[in-house]
């Protein structure tokens, strides 16, 4: 299964699963990220730094550790 770290810039993905405990799920909900949402990868660097997403019209930055726990599938 692909995570947010495995997706190229500019691609749209659907969030399928969030691995982790209650804390990470609450954190993502506060940022407006939920299972089933369609998000756009705006910037993902393989060398480090955060992953920048567009979620419901807002830009959200996620650290690599959090991004690695979000399983996604690409959509058209």
PDB file of N, CA and C in Angstrom:
ATOM      1  N   UNK A   1       0.848  -1.177   0.000  1.00  0.00           N
ATOM      2  CA  UNK A   1       0.000   0.000   0.000  1.00  0.00           C
ATOM      3  C   UNK A   1       0.897   1.246   0.000  1.00  0.00           C
ATOM      4  N   UNK A   2       0.516   2.253  -0.751  1.00  0.00           N
ATOM      5  CA  UNK A   2       1.288   3.492  -0.823  1.00  0.00           C
ATOM      6  C   UNK A   2       0.918   4.418   0.333  1.00  0.00           C
ATOM      7  N   UNK A   3       1.906   5.195   0.761  1.00  0.00           N
ATOM      8  CA  UNK A   3       1.669   6.232   1.758  1.00  0.00           C
ATOM      9  C   UNK A   3       1.886   7.594   1.089  1.00  0.00           C
ATOM     10  N   UNK A   4       1.621   8.662   1.812  1.00  0.00           N
ATOM     11  CA  UNK A   4       1.829   9.996   1.262  1.00  0.00           C
ATOM     12  C   UNK A   4       3.275  10.224   0.827  1.00  0.00           C
ATOM     13  N   UNK A   5       4.210   9.505   1.417  1.00  0.00           N
ATOM     14  CA  UNK A   5       5.621   9.672   1.066  1.00  0.00           C
ATOM     15  C   UNK A   5       5.954   9.115  -0.309  1.00  0.00           C
ATOM     16  N   UNK A   6       5.122   8.212  -0.840  1.00  0.00           N
ATOM     17  CA  UNK A   6       5.408   7.542  -2.103  1.00  0.00           C
ATOM     18  C   UNK A   6       4.728   8.190  -3.307  1.00  0.00           C
ATOM     19  N   UNK A   7       4.100   9.338  -3.118  1.00  0.00           N
ATOM     20  CA  UNK A   7       3.322   9.973  -4.176  1.00  0.00           C
ATOM     21  C   UNK A   7       4.075  11.191  -4.719  1.00  0.00           C
ATOM     22  N   UNK A   8       4.046  11.349  -6.038  1.00  0.00           N
ATOM     23  CA  UNK A   8       4.728  12.470  -6.688  1.00  0.00           C
ATOM     24  C   UNK A   8       3.953  13.779  -6.504  1.00  0.00           C
ATOM     25  N   UNK A   9       4.670  14.875  -6.628  1.00  0.00           N
ATOM     26  CA  UNK A   9       4.068  16.207  -6.536  1.00  0.00           C
ATOM     27  C   UNK A   9       2.976  16.378  -7.592  1.00  0.00           C
ATOM     28  N   UNK A  10       1.909  17.060  -7.216  1.00  0.00           N
ATOM     29  CA  UNK A  10       0.834  17.365  -8.145  1.00  0.00           C
ATOM     30  C   UNK A  10      -0.240  16.295  -8.267  1.00  0.00           C
ATOM     31  N   UNK A  11      -0.036  15.126  -7.668  1.00  0.00           N
ATOM     32  CA  UNK A  11      -1.006  14.029  -7.761  1.00  0.00           C
ATOM     33  C   UNK A  11      -2.115  14.197  -6.730  1.00  0.00           C
ATOM     34  N   UNK A  12      -3.305  13.725  -7.100  1.00  0.00           N
ATOM     35  CA  UNK A  12      -4.430  13.688  -6.169  1.00  0.00           C
ATOM     36  C   UNK A  12      -4.563  12.268  -5.641  1.00  0.00           C
ATOM     37  N   UNK A  13      -4.838  12.170  -4.341  1.00  0.00           N
ATOM     38  CA  UNK A  13      -4.972  10.861  -3.704  1.00  0.00           C
ATOM     39  C   UNK A  13      -6.184  10.848  -2.772  1.00  0.00           C
ATOM     40  N   UNK A  14      -6.683   9.649  -2.535  1.00  0.00           N
ATOM     41  CA  UNK A  14      -7.764   9.439  -1.573  1.00  0.00           C
ATOM     42  C   UNK A  14      -7.165   8.773  -0.345  1.00  0.00           C
ATOM     43  N   UNK A  15      -7.501   9.279   0.825  1.00  0.00           N
ATOM     44  CA  UNK A  15      -6.992   8.708   2.068  1.00  0.00           C
ATOM     45  C   UNK A  15      -7.791   7.459   2.404  1.00  0.00           C
ATOM     46  N   UNK A  16      -7.084   6.331   2.540  1.00  0.00           N
ATOM     47  CA  UNK A  16      -7.722   5.047   2.805  1.00  0.00           C
ATOM     48  C   UNK A  16      -7.636   4.633   4.269  1.00  0.00           C
ATOM     49  N   UNK A  17      -6.496   4.895   4.889  1.00  0.00           N
ATOM     50  CA  UNK A  17      -6.270   4.395   6.248  1.00  0.00           C
ATOM     51  C   UNK A  17      -5.263   5.288   6.959  1.00  0.00           C
ATOM     52  N   UNK A  18      -5.483   5.480   8.247  1.00  0.00           N
ATOM     53  CA  UNK A  18      -4.534   6.208   9.092  1.00  0.00           C
ATOM     54  C   UNK A  18      -4.074   5.249  10.179  1.00  0.00           C
ATOM     55  N   UNK A  19      -2.806   4.861  10.107  1.00  0.00           N
ATOM     56  CA  UNK A  19      -2.245   3.947  11.106  1.00  0.00           C
ATOM     57  C   UNK A  19      -1.785   4.754  12.311  1.00  0.00           C
ATOM     58  N   UNK A  20      -2.003   4.211  13.474  1.00  0.00           N
ATOM     59  CA  UNK A  20      -1.572   4.906  14.683  1.00  0.00           C
ATOM     60  C   UNK A  20      -2.695   4.979  15.691  1.00  0.00           C
ATOM     61  N   UNK A  21      -2.400   5.598  16.780  1.00  0.00           N
ATOM     62  CA  UNK A  21      -3.350   5.669  17.883  1.00  0.00           C
ATOM     63  C   UNK A  21      -4.291   6.851  17.798  1.00  0.00           C
ATOM     64  N   UNK A  22      -4.997   7.037  18.893  1.00  0.00           N
ATOM     65  CA  UNK A  22      -6.003   8.092  18.987  1.00  0.00           C
ATOM     66  C   UNK A  22      -5.396   9.481  18.810  1.00  0.00           C
ATOM     67  N   UNK A  23      -4.201   9.679  19.318  1.00  0.00           N
ATOM     68  CA  UNK A  23      -3.558  10.991  19.250  1.00  0.00           C
ATOM     69  C   UNK A  23      -3.318  11.459  17.828  1.00  0.00           C
ATOM     70  N   UNK A  24      -2.780  10.587  16.986  1.00  0.00           N
ATOM     71  CA  UNK A  24      -2.503  10.984  15.597  1.00  0.00           C
ATOM     72  C   UNK A  24      -3.797  11.219  14.829  1.00  0.00           C
ATOM     73  N   UNK A  25      -4.810  10.410  15.097  1.00  0.00           N
ATOM     74  CA  UNK A  25      -6.102  10.602  14.419  1.00  0.00           C
ATOM     75  C   UNK A  25      -6.737  11.927  14.811  1.00  0.00           C
ATOM     76  N   UNK A  26      -6.679  12.280  16.088  1.00  0.00           N
ATOM     77  CA  UNK A  26      -7.227  13.561  16.545  1.00  0.00           C
ATOM     78  C   UNK A  26      -6.457  14.729  15.951  1.00  0.00           C
ATOM     79  N   UNK A  27      -5.137  14.598  15.899  1.00  0.00           N
ATOM     80  CA  UNK A  27      -4.306  15.648  15.318  1.00  0.00           C
ATOM     81  C   UNK A  27      -4.698  15.894  13.864  1.00  0.00           C
ATOM     82  N   UNK A  28      -4.855  14.826  13.096  1.00  0.00           N
ATOM     83  CA  UNK A  28      -5.212  14.961  11.690  1.00  0.00           C
ATOM     84  C   UNK A  28      -6.630  15.498  11.515  1.00  0.00           C
ATOM     85  N   UNK A  29      -7.540  15.097  12.388  1.00  0.00           N
ATOM     86  CA  UNK A  29      -8.903  15.636  12.317  1.00  0.00           C
ATOM     87  C   UNK A  29      -8.907  17.134  12.570  1.00  0.00           C
ATOM     88  N   UNK A  30      -8.084  17.598  13.497  1.00  0.00           N
ATOM     89  CA  UNK A  30      -7.983  19.035  13.764  1.00  0.00           C
ATOM     90  C   UNK A  30      -7.445  19.790  12.546  1.00  0.00           C
ATOM     91  N   UNK A  31      -6.635  19.115  11.737  1.00  0.00           N
ATOM     92  CA  UNK A  31      -6.105  19.719  10.517  1.00  0.00           C
ATOM     93  C   UNK A  31      -7.068  19.575   9.342  1.00  0.00           C
ATOM     94  N   UNK A  32      -8.186  18.877   9.550  1.00  0.00           N
ATOM     95  CA  UNK A  32      -9.177  18.695   8.487  1.00  0.00           C
ATOM     96  C   UNK A  32      -8.913  17.506   7.590  1.00  0.00           C
ATOM     97  N   UNK A  33      -8.116  16.557   8.064  1.00  0.00           N
ATOM     98  CA  UNK A  33      -7.768  15.381   7.263  1.00  0.00           C
ATOM     99  C   UNK A  33      -8.510  14.173   7.820  1.00  0.00           C
ATOM    100  N   UNK A  34      -9.340  13.543   6.962  1.00  0.00           N
ATOM    101  CA  UNK A  34     -10.165  12.410   7.371  1.00  0.00           C
ATOM    102  C   UNK A  34     -10.061  11.293   6.345  1.00  0.00           C
ATOM    103  N   UNK A  35     -10.353  10.077   6.761  1.00  0.00           N
ATOM    104  CA  UNK A  35     -10.419   8.953   5.833  1.00  0.00           C
ATOM    105  C   UNK A  35     -11.497   9.243   4.797  1.00  0.00           C
ATOM    106  N   UNK A  36     -11.164   8.996   3.533  1.00  0.00           N
ATOM    107  CA  UNK A  36     -12.093   9.246   2.438  1.00  0.00           C
ATOM    108  C   UNK A  36     -11.875  10.584   1.745  1.00  0.00           C
ATOM    109  N   UNK A  37     -11.099  11.484   2.354  1.00  0.00           N
ATOM    110  CA  UNK A  37     -10.832  12.788   1.746  1.00  0.00           C
ATOM    111  C   UNK A  37      -9.932  12.644   0.524  1.00  0.00           C
ATOM    112  N   UNK A  38     -10.135  13.540  -0.444  1.00  0.00           N
ATOM    113  CA  UNK A  38      -9.249  13.649  -1.602  1.00  0.00           C
ATOM    114  C   UNK A  38      -8.319  14.835  -1.338  1.00  0.00           C
ATOM    115  N   UNK A  39      -7.013  14.590  -1.400  1.00  0.00           N
ATOM    116  CA  UNK A  39      -6.026  15.641  -1.156  1.00  0.00           C
ATOM    117  C   UNK A  39      -5.054  15.696  -2.326  1.00  0.00           C
ATOM    118  N   UNK A  40      -4.418  16.852  -2.501  1.00  0.00           N
ATOM    119  CA  UNK A  40      -3.420  17.038  -3.553  1.00  0.00           C
ATOM    120  C   UNK A  40      -2.052  17.192  -2.903  1.00  0.00           C
ATOM    121  N   UNK A  41      -1.065  16.461  -3.429  1.00  0.00           N
ATOM    122  CA  UNK A  41       0.309  16.582  -2.946  1.00  0.00           C
ATOM    123  C   UNK A  41       0.917  17.800  -3.627  1.00  0.00           C
ATOM    124  N   UNK A  42       1.206  18.835  -2.874  1.00  0.00           N
ATOM    125  CA  UNK A  42       1.780  20.051  -3.454  1.00  0.00           C
ATOM    126  C   UNK A  42       3.304  19.998  -3.464  1.00  0.00           C
ATOM    127  N   UNK A  43       3.884  19.416  -2.409  1.00  0.00           N
ATOM    128  CA  UNK A  43       5.344  19.335  -2.338  1.00  0.00           C
ATOM    129  C   UNK A  43       5.742  18.183  -1.437  1.00  0.00           C
ATOM    130  N   UNK A  44       6.534  17.297  -1.986  1.00  0.00           N
ATOM    131  CA  UNK A  44       7.074  16.187  -1.209  1.00  0.00           C
ATOM    132  C   UNK A  44       8.529  16.034  -1.590  1.00  0.00           C
ATOM    133  N   UNK A  45       9.417  16.212  -0.633  1.00  0.00           N
ATOM    134  CA  UNK A  45      10.846  16.131  -0.896  1.00  0.00           C
ATOM    135  C   UNK A  45      11.385  14.808  -0.377  1.00  0.00           C
ATOM    136  N   UNK A  46      12.160  14.140  -1.201  1.00  0.00           N
ATOM    137  CA  UNK A  46      12.738  12.857  -0.796  1.00  0.00           C
ATOM    138  C   UNK A  46      13.915  13.039   0.154  1.00  0.00           C
ATOM    139  N   UNK A  47      14.464  14.241   0.209  1.00  0.00           N
ATOM    140  CA  UNK A  47      15.633  14.484   1.045  1.00  0.00           C
ATOM    141  C   UNK A  47      15.295  14.891   2.471  1.00  0.00           C
ATOM    142  N   UNK A  48      14.065  15.186   2.736  1.00  0.00           N
ATOM    143  CA  UNK A  48      13.670  15.601   4.072  1.00  0.00           C
ATOM    144  C   UNK A  48      12.703  16.764   4.016  1.00  0.00           C
ATOM    145  N   UNK A  49      12.256  17.175   5.166  1.00  0.00           N
ATOM    146  CA  UNK A  49      11.299  18.272   5.228  1.00  0.00           C
ATOM    147  C   UNK A  49       9.880  17.748   5.199  1.00  0.00           C
ATOM    148  N   UNK A  50       8.935  18.644   5.391  1.00  0.00           N
ATOM    149  CA  UNK A  50       7.536  18.224   5.476  1.00  0.00           C
ATOM    150  C   UNK A  50       6.927  17.928   4.103  1.00  0.00           C
ATOM    151  N   UNK A  51       5.791  17.246   4.134  1.00  0.00           N
ATOM    152  CA  UNK A  51       4.972  17.015   2.943  1.00  0.00           C
ATOM    153  C   UNK A  51       3.876  18.073   2.971  1.00  0.00           C
ATOM    154  N   UNK A  52       3.755  18.836   1.886  1.00  0.00           N
ATOM    155  CA  UNK A  52       2.753  19.891   1.808  1.00  0.00           C
ATOM    156  C   UNK A  52       1.556  19.391   1.008  1.00  0.00           C
ATOM    157  N   UNK A  53       0.365  19.442   1.627  1.00  0.00           N
ATOM    158  CA  UNK A  53      -0.871  18.968   1.014  1.00  0.00           C
ATOM    159  C   UNK A  53      -1.855  20.110   0.860  1.00  0.00           C
ATOM    160  N   UNK A  54      -2.761  19.965  -0.109  1.00  0.00           N
ATOM    161  CA  UNK A  54      -3.914  20.837  -0.175  1.00  0.00           C
ATOM    162  C   UNK A  54      -5.121  20.012   0.231  1.00  0.00           C
ATOM    163  N   UNK A  55      -5.783  20.431   1.312  1.00  0.00           N
ATOM    164  CA  UNK A  55      -6.932  19.720   1.863  1.00  0.00           C
ATOM    165  C   UNK A  55      -8.099  20.694   1.950  1.00  0.00           C
ATOM    166  N   UNK A  56      -9.155  20.424   1.210  1.00  0.00           N
ATOM    167  CA  UNK A  56     -10.349  21.280   1.232  1.00  0.00           C
ATOM    168  C   UNK A  56     -10.024  22.761   1.035  1.00  0.00           C
ATOM    169  N   UNK A  57      -9.085  23.039   0.130  1.00  0.00           N
ATOM    170  CA  UNK A  57      -8.729  24.417  -0.180  1.00  0.00           C
ATOM    171  C   UNK A  57      -7.678  25.036   0.718  1.00  0.00           C
ATOM    172  N   UNK A  58      -7.195  24.307   1.706  1.00  0.00           N
ATOM    173  CA  UNK A  58      -6.183  24.810   2.633  1.00  0.00           C
ATOM    174  C   UNK A  58      -4.884  24.037   2.456  1.00  0.00           C
ATOM    175  N   UNK A  59      -3.753  24.717   2.653  1.00  0.00           N
ATOM    176  CA  UNK A  59      -2.456  24.052   2.641  1.00  0.00           C
ATOM    177  C   UNK A  59      -2.128  23.564   4.044  1.00  0.00           C
ATOM    178  N   UNK A  60      -1.691  22.302   4.116  1.00  0.00           N
ATOM    179  CA  UNK A  60      -1.348  21.677   5.394  1.00  0.00           C
ATOM    180  C   UNK A  60       0.008  21.002   5.240  1.00  0.00           C
ATOM    181  N   UNK A  61       0.908  21.219   6.180  1.00  0.00           N
ATOM    182  CA  UNK A  61       2.221  20.577   6.174  1.00  0.00           C
ATOM    183  C   UNK A  61       2.234  19.455   7.203  1.00  0.00           C
ATOM    184  N   UNK A  62       2.683  18.282   6.771  1.00  0.00           N
ATOM    185  CA  UNK A  62       2.804  17.127   7.664  1.00  0.00           C
ATOM    186  C   UNK A  62       4.252  16.660   7.689  1.00  0.00           C
ATOM    187  N   UNK A  63       4.732  16.316   8.868  1.00  0.00           N
ATOM    188  CA  UNK A  63       6.064  15.745   8.981  1.00  0.00           C
ATOM    189  C   UNK A  63       6.125  14.362   8.346  1.00  0.00           C
ATOM    190  N   UNK A  64       7.326  13.920   8.041  1.00  0.00           N
ATOM    191  CA  UNK A  64       7.514  12.612   7.393  1.00  0.00           C
ATOM    192  C   UNK A  64       6.952  11.468   8.227  1.00  0.00           C
ATOM    193  N   UNK A  65       7.095  11.531   9.545  1.00  0.00           N
ATOM    194  CA  UNK A  65       6.591  10.463  10.411  1.00  0.00           C
ATOM    195  C   UNK A  65       5.086  10.315  10.321  1.00  0.00           C
ATOM    196  N   UNK A  66       4.372  11.431  10.325  1.00  0.00           N
ATOM    197  CA  UNK A  66       2.910  11.398  10.221  1.00  0.00           C
ATOM    198  C   UNK A  66       2.505  10.978   8.814  1.00  0.00           C
ATOM    199  N   UNK A  67       3.160  11.547   7.790  1.00  0.00           N
ATOM    200  CA  UNK A  67       2.827  11.224   6.401  1.00  0.00           C
ATOM    201  C   UNK A  67       3.021   9.740   6.097  1.00  0.00           C
ATOM    202  N   UNK A  68       3.984   9.112   6.759  1.00  0.00           N
ATOM    203  CA  UNK A  68       4.251   7.688   6.511  1.00  0.00           C
ATOM    204  C   UNK A  68       3.153   6.787   7.077  1.00  0.00           C
ATOM    205  N   UNK A  69       2.291   7.329   7.931  1.00  0.00           N
ATOM    206  CA  UNK A  69       1.211   6.542   8.538  1.00  0.00           C
ATOM    207  C   UNK A  69      -0.113   6.667   7.794  1.00  0.00           C
ATOM    208  N   UNK A  70      -0.136   7.477   6.730  1.00  0.00           N
ATOM    209  CA  UNK A  70      -1.372   7.701   5.989  1.00  0.00           C
ATOM    210  C   UNK A  70      -1.310   6.941   4.673  1.00  0.00           C
ATOM    211  N   UNK A  71      -2.138   5.886   4.560  1.00  0.00           N
ATOM    212  CA  UNK A  71      -2.183   5.079   3.342  1.00  0.00           C
ATOM    213  C   UNK A  71      -3.175   5.679   2.367  1.00  0.00           C
ATOM    214  N   UNK A  72      -2.773   5.725   1.076  1.00  0.00           N
ATOM    215  CA  UNK A  72      -3.565   6.405   0.061  1.00  0.00           C
ATOM    216  C   UNK A  72      -3.600   5.604  -1.231  1.00  0.00           C
ATOM    217  N   UNK A  73      -4.539   6.001  -2.121  1.00  0.00           N
ATOM    218  CA  UNK A  73      -4.536   5.504  -3.499  1.00  0.00           C
ATOM    219  C   UNK A  73      -4.693   6.698  -4.413  1.00  0.00           C
ATOM    220  N   UNK A  74      -4.028   6.652  -5.560  1.00  0.00           N
ATOM    221  CA  UNK A  74      -4.108   7.749  -6.531  1.00  0.00           C
ATOM    222  C   UNK A  74      -5.472   7.765  -7.182  1.00  0.00           C
ATOM    223  N   UNK A  75      -5.965   8.975  -7.463  1.00  0.00           N
ATOM    224  CA  UNK A  75      -7.222   9.164  -8.181  1.00  0.00           C
ATOM    225  C   UNK A  75      -6.954  10.053  -9.379  1.00  0.00           C
ATOM    226  N   UNK A  76      -7.851  10.030 -10.329  1.00  0.00           N
ATOM    227  CA  UNK A  76      -7.697  10.850 -11.556  1.00  0.00           C
ATOM    228  C   UNK A  76      -8.048  12.278 -11.297  1.00  0.00           C
TER     229      UNK A  76
END
